[in-house]
Amino acid sequence: MATALLAGVLVLYAALFAATGEAPAALVLRPPAGAPTDLPGDIRVLRWEPHYAVVTSEDPAYVRRLYRAGALLVLPFRKGGCLAFRPDPAV
C-alpha cells in the first residue's frame, strides 16, 4: 500500500513538472539517449550516469521532449541537491 502511494505521488509530481517545466534542473531516470550528445537540442547536461542524468534547459518544454525521446521518469531537481536550503540567487 505504501509503495503504491509513493508511486502515485511520484507520478503526480512528474506530471505537474511535465506541464510546467519550472525547476532549476531535472533528474532523468533512465536517460533516453545512449550518450549525452544524443539528447534533444538545447538540453545541457549537468551530470551523466548510466541510470540517471541531471539536465537543464531554458525552454520549459524540454521535460516533454525528454519523455518523447524515451525517458522513464523526469522529476524536478535543485542544482544544489534536495537539501540545499540556500535561496535561489536568480529570485
PDB file of N, CA and C in Angstrom:
ATOM      1  N   MET A   1       0.822  -1.189   0.000  1.00  0.00           N
ATOM      2  CA  MET A   1       0.000   0.000   0.000  1.00  0.00           C
ATOM      3  C   MET A   1       0.869   1.256   0.000  1.00  0.00           C
ATOM      4  N   ALA A   2       1.895   1.276   0.853  1.00  0.00           N
ATOM      5  CA  ALA A   2       2.778   2.449   0.918  1.00  0.00           C
ATOM      6  C   ALA A   2       3.537   2.631  -0.390  1.00  0.00           C
ATOM      7  N   THR A   3       3.928   1.541  -1.032  1.00  0.00           N
ATOM      8  CA  THR A   3       4.647   1.616  -2.303  1.00  0.00           C
ATOM      9  C   THR A   3       3.755   2.211  -3.385  1.00  0.00           C
ATOM     10  N   ALA A   4       2.504   1.795  -3.418  1.00  0.00           N
ATOM     11  CA  ALA A   4       1.562   2.326  -4.400  1.00  0.00           C
ATOM     12  C   ALA A   4       1.315   3.812  -4.164  1.00  0.00           C
ATOM     13  N   LEU A   5       1.225   4.209  -2.922  1.00  0.00           N
ATOM     14  CA  LEU A   5       1.029   5.620  -2.594  1.00  0.00           C
ATOM     15  C   LEU A   5       2.234   6.447  -3.027  1.00  0.00           C
ATOM     16  N   LEU A   6       3.426   5.960  -2.730  1.00  0.00           N
ATOM     17  CA  LEU A   6       4.651   6.658  -3.131  1.00  0.00           C
ATOM     18  C   LEU A   6       4.753   6.755  -4.648  1.00  0.00           C
ATOM     19  N   ALA A   7       4.439   5.667  -5.341  1.00  0.00           N
ATOM     20  CA  ALA A   7       4.465   5.671  -6.804  1.00  0.00           C
ATOM     21  C   ALA A   7       3.458   6.677  -7.360  1.00  0.00           C
ATOM     22  N   GLY A   8       2.282   6.735  -6.769  1.00  0.00           N
ATOM     23  CA  GLY A   8       1.264   7.693  -7.195  1.00  0.00           C
ATOM     24  C   GLY A   8       1.709   9.129  -7.009  1.00  0.00           C
ATOM     25  N   VAL A   9       2.346   9.414  -5.891  1.00  0.00           N
ATOM     26  CA  VAL A   9       2.835  10.769  -5.624  1.00  0.00           C
ATOM     27  C   VAL A   9       3.921  11.141  -6.628  1.00  0.00           C
ATOM     28  N   LEU A  10       4.844  10.212  -6.908  1.00  0.00           N
ATOM     29  CA  LEU A  10       5.905  10.488  -7.878  1.00  0.00           C
ATOM     30  C   LEU A  10       5.342  10.742  -9.276  1.00  0.00           C
ATOM     31  N   VAL A  11       4.362   9.953  -9.677  1.00  0.00           N
ATOM     32  CA  VAL A  11       3.745  10.145 -10.994  1.00  0.00           C
ATOM     33  C   VAL A  11       3.027  11.493 -11.060  1.00  0.00           C
ATOM     34  N   LEU A  12       2.324  11.856 -10.002  1.00  0.00           N
ATOM     35  CA  LEU A  12       1.653  13.152  -9.961  1.00  0.00           C
ATOM     36  C   LEU A  12       2.668  14.296 -10.029  1.00  0.00           C
ATOM     37  N   TYR A  13       3.739  14.176  -9.267  1.00  0.00           N
ATOM     38  CA  TYR A  13       4.800  15.179  -9.252  1.00  0.00           C
ATOM     39  C   TYR A  13       5.428  15.301 -10.639  1.00  0.00           C
ATOM     40  N   ALA A  14       5.686  14.167 -11.286  1.00  0.00           N
ATOM     41  CA  ALA A  14       6.275  14.166 -12.628  1.00  0.00           C
ATOM     42  C   ALA A  14       5.321  14.791 -13.646  1.00  0.00           C
ATOM     43  N   ALA A  15       4.024  14.516 -13.522  1.00  0.00           N
ATOM     44  CA  ALA A  15       3.040  15.084 -14.451  1.00  0.00           C
ATOM     45  C   ALA A  15       2.958  16.598 -14.302  1.00  0.00           C
ATOM     46  N   LEU A  16       2.974  17.079 -13.069  1.00  0.00           N
ATOM     47  CA  LEU A  16       2.951  18.529 -12.852  1.00  0.00           C
ATOM     48  C   LEU A  16       4.210  19.184 -13.411  1.00  0.00           C
ATOM     49  N   PHE A  17       5.347  18.525 -13.245  1.00  0.00           N
ATOM     50  CA  PHE A  17       6.607  19.062 -13.762  1.00  0.00           C
ATOM     51  C   PHE A  17       6.600  19.066 -15.287  1.00  0.00           C
ATOM     52  N   ALA A  18       6.043  18.029 -15.907  1.00  0.00           N
ATOM     53  CA  ALA A  18       5.958  17.988 -17.363  1.00  0.00           C
ATOM     54  C   ALA A  18       5.071  19.118 -17.888  1.00  0.00           C
ATOM     55  N   ALA A  19       4.040  19.471 -17.132  1.00  0.00           N
ATOM     56  CA  ALA A  19       3.131  20.536 -17.550  1.00  0.00           C
ATOM     57  C   ALA A  19       3.762  21.917 -17.411  1.00  0.00           C
ATOM     58  N   THR A  20       4.570  22.120 -16.369  1.00  0.00           N
ATOM     59  CA  THR A  20       5.128  23.454 -16.123  1.00  0.00           C
ATOM     60  C   THR A  20       6.583  23.589 -16.547  1.00  0.00           C
ATOM     61  N   GLY A  21       7.390  22.561 -16.328  1.00  0.00           N
ATOM     62  CA  GLY A  21       8.812  22.615 -16.653  1.00  0.00           C
ATOM     63  C   GLY A  21       9.587  23.590 -15.800  1.00  0.00           C
ATOM     64  N   GLU A  22       9.007  24.012 -14.685  1.00  0.00           N
ATOM     65  CA  GLU A  22       9.635  25.034 -13.854  1.00  0.00           C
ATOM     66  C   GLU A  22      10.432  24.422 -12.706  1.00  0.00           C
ATOM     67  N   ALA A  23      11.728  24.358 -12.886  1.00  0.00           N
ATOM     68  CA  ALA A  23      12.673  23.921 -11.859  1.00  0.00           C
ATOM     69  C   ALA A  23      14.063  24.269 -12.378  1.00  0.00           C
ATOM     70  N   PRO A  24      15.007  24.458 -11.485  1.00  0.00           N
ATOM     71  CA  PRO A  24      16.363  24.785 -11.948  1.00  0.00           C
ATOM     72  C   PRO A  24      16.985  23.682 -12.806  1.00  0.00           C
ATOM     73  N   ALA A  25      16.582  22.440 -12.580  1.00  0.00           N
ATOM     74  CA  ALA A  25      17.138  21.306 -13.327  1.00  0.00           C
ATOM     75  C   ALA A  25      16.157  20.145 -13.239  1.00  0.00           C
ATOM     76  N   ALA A  26      16.482  19.063 -13.949  1.00  0.00           N
ATOM     77  CA  ALA A  26      15.629  17.881 -13.941  1.00  0.00           C
ATOM     78  C   ALA A  26      16.472  16.643 -13.704  1.00  0.00           C
ATOM     79  N   LEU A  27      15.936  15.747 -12.890  1.00  0.00           N
ATOM     80  CA  LEU A  27      16.532  14.432 -12.666  1.00  0.00           C
ATOM     81  C   LEU A  27      15.829  13.472 -13.612  1.00  0.00           C
ATOM     82  N   VAL A  28      16.573  12.879 -14.522  1.00  0.00           N
ATOM     83  CA  VAL A  28      16.006  11.984 -15.529  1.00  0.00           C
ATOM     84  C   VAL A  28      16.399  10.555 -15.187  1.00  0.00           C
ATOM     85  N   LEU A  29      15.411   9.729 -14.851  1.00  0.00           N
ATOM     86  CA  LEU A  29      15.663   8.322 -14.596  1.00  0.00           C
ATOM     87  C   LEU A  29      15.611   7.581 -15.919  1.00  0.00           C
ATOM     88  N   ARG A  30      16.636   6.795 -16.171  1.00  0.00           N
ATOM     89  CA  ARG A  30      16.853   6.108 -17.439  1.00  0.00           C
ATOM     90  C   ARG A  30      16.861   7.109 -18.586  1.00  0.00           C
ATOM     91  N   PRO A  31      17.964   7.834 -18.733  1.00  0.00           N
ATOM     92  CA  PRO A  31      18.061   8.840 -19.803  1.00  0.00           C
ATOM     93  C   PRO A  31      17.743   8.229 -21.164  1.00  0.00           C
ATOM     94  N   PRO A  32      17.077   8.983 -22.024  1.00  0.00           N
ATOM     95  CA  PRO A  32      16.626   8.446 -23.295  1.00  0.00           C
ATOM     96  C   PRO A  32      17.712   8.262 -24.340  1.00  0.00           C
ATOM     97  N   ALA A  33      18.873   8.827 -24.131  1.00  0.00           N
ATOM     98  CA  ALA A  33      19.929   8.780 -25.138  1.00  0.00           C
ATOM     99  C   ALA A  33      21.050   7.845 -24.708  1.00  0.00           C
ATOM    100  N   GLY A  34      21.752   7.312 -25.676  1.00  0.00           N
ATOM    101  CA  GLY A  34      22.896   6.462 -25.365  1.00  0.00           C
ATOM    102  C   GLY A  34      24.079   7.260 -24.874  1.00  0.00           C
ATOM    103  N   ALA A  35      24.120   8.529 -25.239  1.00  0.00           N
ATOM    104  CA  ALA A  35      25.210   9.416 -24.839  1.00  0.00           C
ATOM    105  C   ALA A  35      24.641  10.812 -24.639  1.00  0.00           C
ATOM    106  N   PRO A  36      25.285  11.626 -23.829  1.00  0.00           N
ATOM    107  CA  PRO A  36      24.776  12.984 -23.593  1.00  0.00           C
ATOM    108  C   PRO A  36      24.606  13.790 -24.882  1.00  0.00           C
ATOM    109  N   THR A  37      25.422  13.530 -25.873  1.00  0.00           N
ATOM    110  CA  THR A  37      25.323  14.283 -27.131  1.00  0.00           C
ATOM    111  C   THR A  37      24.082  13.919 -27.932  1.00  0.00           C
ATOM    112  N   ASP A  38      23.396  12.832 -27.574  1.00  0.00           N
ATOM    113  CA  ASP A  38      22.188  12.408 -28.286  1.00  0.00           C
ATOM    114  C   ASP A  38      20.910  13.028 -27.730  1.00  0.00           C
ATOM    115  N   LEU A  39      21.012  13.848 -26.696  1.00  0.00           N
ATOM    116  CA  LEU A  39      19.822  14.477 -26.114  1.00  0.00           C
ATOM    117  C   LEU A  39      19.279  15.551 -27.053  1.00  0.00           C
ATOM    118  N   PRO A  40      17.988  15.852 -26.935  1.00  0.00           N
ATOM    119  CA  PRO A  40      17.407  16.893 -27.776  1.00  0.00           C
ATOM    120  C   PRO A  40      18.093  18.249 -27.600  1.00  0.00           C
ATOM    121  N   GLY A  41      18.240  18.965 -28.685  1.00  0.00           N
ATOM    122  CA  GLY A  41      18.772  20.310 -28.849  1.00  0.00           C
ATOM    123  C   GLY A  41      19.404  21.080 -27.716  1.00  0.00           C
ATOM    124  N   ASP A  42      18.613  21.896 -27.042  1.00  0.00           N
ATOM    125  CA  ASP A  42      19.156  22.874 -26.089  1.00  0.00           C
ATOM    126  C   ASP A  42      19.305  22.328 -24.669  1.00  0.00           C
ATOM    127  N   ILE A  43      19.214  21.051 -24.484  1.00  0.00           N
ATOM    128  CA  ILE A  43      19.323  20.458 -23.149  1.00  0.00           C
ATOM    129  C   ILE A  43      20.791  20.355 -22.771  1.00  0.00           C
ATOM    130  N   ARG A  44      21.124  20.905 -21.607  1.00  0.00           N
ATOM    131  CA  ARG A  44      22.501  20.910 -21.114  1.00  0.00           C
ATOM    132  C   ARG A  44      22.646  19.874 -20.001  1.00  0.00           C
ATOM    133  N   VAL A  45      23.674  19.063 -20.086  1.00  0.00           N
ATOM    134  CA  VAL A  45      23.913  18.001 -19.107  1.00  0.00           C
ATOM    135  C   VAL A  45      24.732  18.553 -17.942  1.00  0.00           C
ATOM    136  N   LEU A  46      24.224  18.368 -16.725  1.00  0.00           N
ATOM    137  CA  LEU A  46      24.956  18.746 -15.518  1.00  0.00           C
ATOM    138  C   LEU A  46      25.666  17.547 -14.915  1.00  0.00           C
ATOM    139  N   ARG A  47      25.066  16.365 -15.085  1.00  0.00           N
ATOM    140  CA  ARG A  47      25.663  15.120 -14.595  1.00  0.00           C
ATOM    141  C   ARG A  47      25.088  13.965 -15.405  1.00  0.00           C
ATOM    142  N   TRP A  48      25.940  13.033 -15.784  1.00  0.00           N
ATOM    143  CA  TRP A  48      25.503  11.889 -16.588  1.00  0.00           C
ATOM    144  C   TRP A  48      26.003  10.605 -15.944  1.00  0.00           C
ATOM    145  N   GLU A  49      25.109   9.722 -15.624  1.00  0.00           N
ATOM    146  CA  GLU A  49      25.418   8.408 -15.059  1.00  0.00           C
ATOM    147  C   GLU A  49      24.660   7.368 -15.885  1.00  0.00           C
ATOM    148  N   PRO A  50      25.008   6.093 -15.772  1.00  0.00           N
ATOM    149  CA  PRO A  50      24.327   5.073 -16.592  1.00  0.00           C
ATOM    150  C   PRO A  50      22.807   4.994 -16.380  1.00  0.00           C
ATOM    151  N   HIS A  51      22.329   5.214 -15.151  1.00  0.00           N
ATOM    152  CA  HIS A  51      20.899   5.036 -14.877  1.00  0.00           C
ATOM    153  C   HIS A  51      20.150   6.340 -14.643  1.00  0.00           C
ATOM    154  N   TYR A  52      20.864   7.445 -14.566  1.00  0.00           N
ATOM    155  CA  TYR A  52      20.190   8.730 -14.389  1.00  0.00           C
ATOM    156  C   TYR A  52      21.063   9.858 -14.929  1.00  0.00           C
ATOM    157  N   ALA A  53      20.418  10.992 -15.140  1.00  0.00           N
ATOM    158  CA  ALA A  53      21.133  12.190 -15.572  1.00  0.00           C
ATOM    159  C   ALA A  53      20.474  13.393 -14.910  1.00  0.00           C
ATOM    160  N   VAL A  54      21.239  14.440 -14.731  1.00  0.00           N
ATOM    161  CA  VAL A  54      20.714  15.719 -14.275  1.00  0.00           C
ATOM    162  C   VAL A  54      20.944  16.688 -15.421  1.00  0.00           C
ATOM    163  N   VAL A  55      19.862  17.279 -15.897  1.00  0.00           N
ATOM    164  CA  VAL A  55      19.933  18.160 -17.059  1.00  0.00           C
ATOM    165  C   VAL A  55      19.181  19.449 -16.786  1.00  0.00           C
ATOM    166  N   THR A  56      19.389  20.429 -17.651  1.00  0.00           N
ATOM    167  CA  THR A  56      18.673  21.696 -17.541  1.00  0.00           C
ATOM    168  C   THR A  56      18.482  22.278 -18.931  1.00  0.00           C
ATOM    169  N   SER A  57      17.586  23.244 -19.028  1.00  0.00           N
ATOM    170  CA  SER A  57      17.331  23.943 -20.279  1.00  0.00           C
ATOM    171  C   SER A  57      16.587  25.230 -19.965  1.00  0.00           C
ATOM    172  N   GLU A  58      16.715  26.197 -20.828  1.00  0.00           N
ATOM    173  CA  GLU A  58      15.965  27.451 -20.680  1.00  0.00           C
ATOM    174  C   GLU A  58      14.519  27.304 -21.142  1.00  0.00           C
ATOM    175  N   ASP A  59      14.242  26.298 -21.973  1.00  0.00           N
ATOM    176  CA  ASP A  59      12.915  26.074 -22.532  1.00  0.00           C
ATOM    177  C   ASP A  59      12.127  25.117 -21.630  1.00  0.00           C
ATOM    178  N   PRO A  60      11.010  25.548 -21.027  1.00  0.00           N
ATOM    179  CA  PRO A  60      10.237  24.677 -20.146  1.00  0.00           C
ATOM    180  C   PRO A  60       9.690  23.423 -20.845  1.00  0.00           C
ATOM    181  N   ALA A  61       9.600  23.430 -22.157  1.00  0.00           N
ATOM    182  CA  ALA A  61       9.076  22.274 -22.894  1.00  0.00           C
ATOM    183  C   ALA A  61      10.084  21.133 -22.970  1.00  0.00           C
ATOM    184  N   TYR A  62      11.289  21.336 -22.461  1.00  0.00           N
ATOM    185  CA  TYR A  62      12.299  20.280 -22.553  1.00  0.00           C
ATOM    186  C   TYR A  62      11.898  19.027 -21.789  1.00  0.00           C
ATOM    187  N   VAL A  63      11.095  19.158 -20.758  1.00  0.00           N
ATOM    188  CA  VAL A  63      10.659  17.985 -19.988  1.00  0.00           C
ATOM    189  C   VAL A  63       9.813  17.073 -20.875  1.00  0.00           C
ATOM    190  N   ARG A  64       8.886  17.647 -21.603  1.00  0.00           N
ATOM    191  CA  ARG A  64       8.052  16.851 -22.503  1.00  0.00           C
ATOM    192  C   ARG A  64       8.890  16.243 -23.635  1.00  0.00           C
ATOM    193  N   ARG A  65       9.892  16.971 -24.107  1.00  0.00           N
ATOM    194  CA  ARG A  65      10.770  16.425 -25.153  1.00  0.00           C
ATOM    195  C   ARG A  65      11.579  15.241 -24.635  1.00  0.00           C
ATOM    196  N   LEU A  66      11.977  15.286 -23.369  1.00  0.00           N
ATOM    197  CA  LEU A  66      12.694  14.140 -22.785  1.00  0.00           C
ATOM    198  C   LEU A  66      11.804  12.904 -22.747  1.00  0.00           C
ATOM    199  N   TYR A  67      10.534  13.087 -22.375  1.00  0.00           N
ATOM    200  CA  TYR A  67       9.602  11.955 -22.373  1.00  0.00           C
ATOM    201  C   TYR A  67       9.403  11.416 -23.793  1.00  0.00           C
ATOM    202  N   ARG A  68       9.234  12.316 -24.766  1.00  0.00           N
ATOM    203  CA  ARG A  68       9.059  11.861 -26.152  1.00  0.00           C
ATOM    204  C   ARG A  68      10.292  11.111 -26.656  1.00  0.00           C
ATOM    205  N   ALA A  69      11.460  11.480 -26.153  1.00  0.00           N
ATOM    206  CA  ALA A  69      12.702  10.812 -26.557  1.00  0.00           C
ATOM    207  C   ALA A  69      12.872   9.461 -25.869  1.00  0.00           C
ATOM    208  N   GLY A  70      12.050   9.177 -24.823  1.00  0.00           N
ATOM    209  CA  GLY A  70      12.095   7.870 -24.187  1.00  0.00           C
ATOM    210  C   GLY A  70      12.495   7.839 -22.725  1.00  0.00           C
ATOM    211  N   ALA A  71      12.564   8.978 -22.049  1.00  0.00           N
ATOM    212  CA  ALA A  71      12.900   8.991 -20.618  1.00  0.00           C
ATOM    213  C   ALA A  71      11.814   8.265 -19.822  1.00  0.00           C
ATOM    214  N   LEU A  72      12.222   7.516 -18.824  1.00  0.00           N
ATOM    215  CA  LEU A  72      11.278   6.775 -17.990  1.00  0.00           C
ATOM    216  C   LEU A  72      10.536   7.706 -17.032  1.00  0.00           C
ATOM    217  N   LEU A  73      11.270   8.577 -16.327  1.00  0.00           N
ATOM    218  CA  LEU A  73      10.677   9.486 -15.348  1.00  0.00           C
ATOM    219  C   LEU A  73      11.554  10.730 -15.257  1.00  0.00           C
ATOM    220  N   VAL A  74      10.923  11.900 -15.259  1.00  0.00           N
ATOM    221  CA  VAL A  74      11.639  13.175 -15.162  1.00  0.00           C
ATOM    222  C   VAL A  74      11.064  13.943 -13.977  1.00  0.00           C
ATOM    223  N   LEU A  75      11.916  14.234 -13.004  1.00  0.00           N
ATOM    224  CA  LEU A  75      11.481  14.920 -11.788  1.00  0.00           C
ATOM    225  C   LEU A  75      12.246  16.220 -11.615  1.00  0.00           C
ATOM    226  N   PRO A  76      11.631  17.220 -10.970  1.00  0.00           N
ATOM    227  CA  PRO A  76      12.354  18.462 -10.701  1.00  0.00           C
ATOM    228  C   PRO A  76      13.530  18.215  -9.767  1.00  0.00           C
ATOM    229  N   PHE A  77      14.593  18.978  -9.960  1.00  0.00           N
ATOM    230  CA  PHE A  77      15.818  18.787  -9.185  1.00  0.00           C
ATOM    231  C   PHE A  77      16.474  20.133  -8.948  1.00  0.00           C
ATOM    232  N   ARG A  78      16.880  20.372  -7.715  1.00  0.00           N
ATOM    233  CA  ARG A  78      17.642  21.592  -7.405  1.00  0.00           C
ATOM    234  C   ARG A  78      19.103  21.318  -7.694  1.00  0.00           C
ATOM    235  N   LYS A  79      19.755  22.235  -8.378  1.00  0.00           N
ATOM    236  CA  LYS A  79      21.155  22.043  -8.742  1.00  0.00           C
ATOM    237  C   LYS A  79      22.040  21.827  -7.525  1.00  0.00           C
ATOM    238  N   GLY A  80      21.673  22.403  -6.374  1.00  0.00           N
ATOM    239  CA  GLY A  80      22.453  22.242  -5.154  1.00  0.00           C
ATOM    240  C   GLY A  80      22.090  20.988  -4.385  1.00  0.00           C
ATOM    241  N   GLY A  81      21.162  20.186  -4.885  1.00  0.00           N
ATOM    242  CA  GLY A  81      20.715  18.983  -4.193  1.00  0.00           C
ATOM    243  C   GLY A  81      19.382  19.232  -3.516  1.00  0.00           C
ATOM    244  N   CYS A  82      18.761  18.179  -3.079  1.00  0.00           N
ATOM    245  CA  CYS A  82      17.430  18.268  -2.472  1.00  0.00           C
ATOM    246  C   CYS A  82      17.417  19.061  -1.174  1.00  0.00           C
ATOM    247  N   LEU A  83      18.509  19.021  -0.430  1.00  0.00           N
ATOM    248  CA  LEU A  83      18.532  19.668   0.874  1.00  0.00           C
ATOM    249  C   LEU A  83      19.290  20.999   0.865  1.00  0.00           C
ATOM    250  N   ALA A  84      19.394  21.618  -0.302  1.00  0.00           N
ATOM    251  CA  ALA A  84      20.072  22.904  -0.387  1.00  0.00           C
ATOM    252  C   ALA A  84      19.070  23.980   0.052  1.00  0.00           C
ATOM    253  N   PHE A  85      19.285  24.517   1.239  1.00  0.00           N
ATOM    254  CA  PHE A  85      18.350  25.494   1.793  1.00  0.00           C
ATOM    255  C   PHE A  85      18.689  26.930   1.440  1.00  0.00           C
ATOM    256  N   ARG A  86      19.779  27.134   0.712  1.00  0.00           N
ATOM    257  CA  ARG A  86      20.128  28.483   0.292  1.00  0.00           C
ATOM    258  C   ARG A  86      19.083  28.994  -0.684  1.00  0.00           C
ATOM    259  N   PRO A  87      18.729  30.265  -0.613  1.00  0.00           N
ATOM    260  CA  PRO A  87      17.775  30.800  -1.584  1.00  0.00           C
ATOM    261  C   PRO A  87      18.393  30.836  -2.974  1.00  0.00           C
ATOM    262  N   ASP A  88      17.555  30.672  -3.982  1.00  0.00           N
ATOM    263  CA  ASP A  88      17.995  30.700  -5.366  1.00  0.00           C
ATOM    264  C   ASP A  88      18.421  32.127  -5.712  1.00  0.00           C
ATOM    265  N   PRO A  89      19.663  32.351  -6.159  1.00  0.00           N
ATOM    266  CA  PRO A  89      20.130  33.718  -6.434  1.00  0.00           C
ATOM    267  C   PRO A  89      19.398  34.368  -7.596  1.00  0.00           C
ATOM    268  N   ALA A  90      18.734  33.583  -8.445  1.00  0.00           N
ATOM    269  CA  ALA A  90      18.016  34.143  -9.590  1.00  0.00           C
ATOM    270  C   ALA A  90      16.686  34.774  -9.176  1.00  0.00           C
ATOM    271  N   VAL A  91      16.246  34.522  -7.941  1.00  0.00           N
ATOM    272  CA  VAL A  91      14.944  35.037  -7.490  1.00  0.00           C
ATOM    273  C   VAL A  91      15.081  36.438  -6.969  1.00  0.00           C
TER     274      VAL A  91
END
